[in-house]
Amino acid sequence: MLNIAVPFHVDGRGRTALCGDNRHLLEMLELLLFTSPGQRVNRPDFGGGVRGLVFGGNSPELAAALRFSLQANLQRWLGDLLEVVDLLTAAEDSTLTVDIRYRVRGNPQEQTAQFQRQV
């Protein structure tokens, strides 16, 4: 499979930059989390909307609502690539943390990814 690096850029040879499967999946996860709904012209409902939380108050309620929203978005947009085993969100002080434990389809080994942003 040909995996184009995200964000799109040109490599040292002047060609479209590519990346391995694991890196590509992590980039897709980050892209989904931090794209705001409505930001994509042909996919207005794509995105986890985490970036938009920068101007909202940080609270346990926010983290719980985000968890359910992200679970649905991950299933919808990346469900053909991965199976979410566990998704945890935590709001501490001004930091929102998202921990995702997942399995790549066709591979029984679990992997983890953690994303943190100041909100």
Protein backbone atom coordinates (compact mmCIF):
# COMPACT_ATOMS: atom_id res chain seq x y z
CA MET A 1 0.00 0.00 0.00
CA LEU A 2 1.23 3.49 -0.84
CA ASN A 3 1.06 5.76 2.22
CA ILE A 4 1.43 9.47 1.55
CA ALA A 5 2.91 11.33 4.52
CA VAL A 6 0.64 13.71 6.39
CA PRO A 7 0.93 16.65 6.15
CA PHE A 8 1.69 16.44 2.46
CA HIS A 9 5.24 17.46 1.58
CA VAL A 10 8.01 16.73 -0.89
CA ASP A 11 10.94 14.54 0.15
CA GLY A 12 14.65 15.17 -0.52
CA ARG A 13 14.39 13.64 -3.99
CA GLY A 14 11.63 16.04 -5.06
CA ARG A 15 8.92 13.37 -4.87
CA THR A 16 5.81 13.04 -2.76
CA ALA A 17 6.93 11.99 0.73
CA LEU A 18 5.83 8.52 1.78
CA CYS A 19 5.79 6.79 5.16
CA GLY A 20 5.39 3.31 6.66
CA ASP A 21 2.07 1.77 7.69
CA ASN A 22 2.43 2.44 11.43
CA ARG A 23 3.44 6.07 10.98
CA HIS A 24 0.67 6.61 8.44
CA LEU A 25 -1.94 5.27 10.85
CA LEU A 26 -0.68 7.54 13.65
CA GLU A 27 -0.80 10.51 11.27
CA MET A 28 -4.36 9.62 10.29
CA LEU A 29 -5.36 9.38 13.96
CA GLU A 30 -3.88 12.80 14.68
CA LEU A 31 -5.51 14.26 11.57
CA LEU A 32 -8.92 12.94 12.62
CA LEU A 33 -8.54 14.19 16.20
CA PHE A 34 -7.45 17.72 15.34
CA THR A 35 -9.53 18.44 12.23
CA SER A 36 -12.59 20.51 13.06
CA PRO A 37 -15.95 19.40 11.66
CA GLY A 38 -16.75 21.62 8.71
CA GLN A 39 -13.08 22.15 7.83
CA ARG A 40 -13.15 19.67 4.93
CA VAL A 41 -15.08 20.85 1.90
CA ASN A 42 -16.25 17.44 0.64
CA ARG A 43 -16.50 15.85 4.08
CA PRO A 44 -18.07 18.46 6.36
CA ASP A 45 -18.73 15.95 9.16
CA PHE A 46 -15.12 14.65 9.24
CA GLY A 47 -13.12 15.49 12.34
CA GLY A 48 -12.84 15.05 16.07
CA GLY A 49 -12.92 18.74 16.84
CA VAL A 50 -10.26 18.66 19.56
CA ARG A 51 -8.63 21.80 18.18
CA GLY A 52 -11.85 23.74 18.74
CA LEU A 53 -11.69 22.96 22.45
CA VAL A 54 -8.83 25.41 22.88
CA PHE A 55 -11.35 28.15 23.68
CA GLY A 56 -13.61 26.01 25.85
CA GLY A 57 -13.30 25.30 29.53
CA ASN A 58 -11.42 22.17 30.52
CA SER A 59 -13.40 19.79 32.72
CA PRO A 60 -14.08 16.10 33.34
CA GLU A 61 -17.43 16.53 31.58
CA LEU A 62 -15.64 17.84 28.49
CA ALA A 63 -13.28 14.85 28.53
CA ALA A 64 -16.21 12.40 28.82
CA ALA A 65 -18.17 14.02 26.00
CA LEU A 66 -15.06 14.06 23.84
CA ARG A 67 -14.48 10.37 24.53
CA PHE A 68 -17.90 9.37 23.18
CA SER A 69 -17.59 11.68 20.18
CA LEU A 70 -14.12 10.39 19.30
CA GLN A 71 -15.20 6.77 19.66
CA ALA A 72 -17.92 7.34 17.05
CA ASN A 73 -15.58 9.26 14.71
CA LEU A 74 -12.85 6.63 14.93
CA GLN A 75 -15.33 3.89 14.12
CA ARG A 76 -16.81 5.83 11.21
CA TRP A 77 -13.66 7.17 9.54
CA LEU A 78 -10.93 4.68 10.48
CA GLY A 79 -12.96 1.58 11.33
CA ASP A 80 -11.78 -0.23 8.21
CA LEU A 81 -8.14 0.21 9.31
CA LEU A 82 -8.29 -0.31 13.05
CA GLU A 83 -10.34 -1.60 15.94
CA VAL A 84 -10.42 0.61 19.03
CA VAL A 85 -9.78 -1.49 22.14
CA ASP A 86 -9.88 1.37 24.63
CA LEU A 87 -10.15 5.13 24.48
CA LEU A 88 -9.39 7.30 27.48
CA THR A 89 -9.63 11.05 27.76
CA ALA A 90 -8.42 13.05 30.73
CA ALA A 91 -8.63 16.73 31.56
CA GLU A 92 -6.01 17.91 34.04
CA ASP A 93 -5.40 21.61 34.57
CA SER A 94 -5.13 23.02 31.04
CA THR A 95 -4.06 19.77 29.34
CA LEU A 96 -6.37 17.41 27.50
CA THR A 97 -4.94 13.93 26.99
CA VAL A 98 -6.32 11.30 24.60
CA ASP A 99 -5.00 7.74 24.92
CA ILE A 100 -6.04 5.26 22.26
CA ARG A 101 -5.36 1.53 22.46
CA TYR A 102 -6.12 -0.18 19.16
CA ARG A 103 -5.49 -3.15 16.89
CA VAL A 104 -4.70 -2.78 13.23
CA ARG A 105 -7.17 -4.89 11.23
CA GLY A 106 -5.63 -8.27 10.48
CA ASN A 107 -3.06 -7.99 13.30
CA PRO A 108 -3.92 -9.21 16.82
CA GLN A 109 -1.19 -7.12 18.48
CA GLU A 110 -2.42 -4.08 20.42
CA GLN A 111 -0.81 -0.69 19.89
CA THR A 112 -1.16 2.58 21.75
CA ALA A 113 -1.08 6.25 20.83
CA GLN A 114 -1.21 9.27 23.09
CA PHE A 115 -2.05 12.82 22.08
CA GLN A 116 -1.87 15.84 24.38
CA ARG A 117 -2.95 19.42 23.77
CA GLN A 118 -3.24 22.48 25.89
CA VAL A 119 -6.85 23.68 26.00
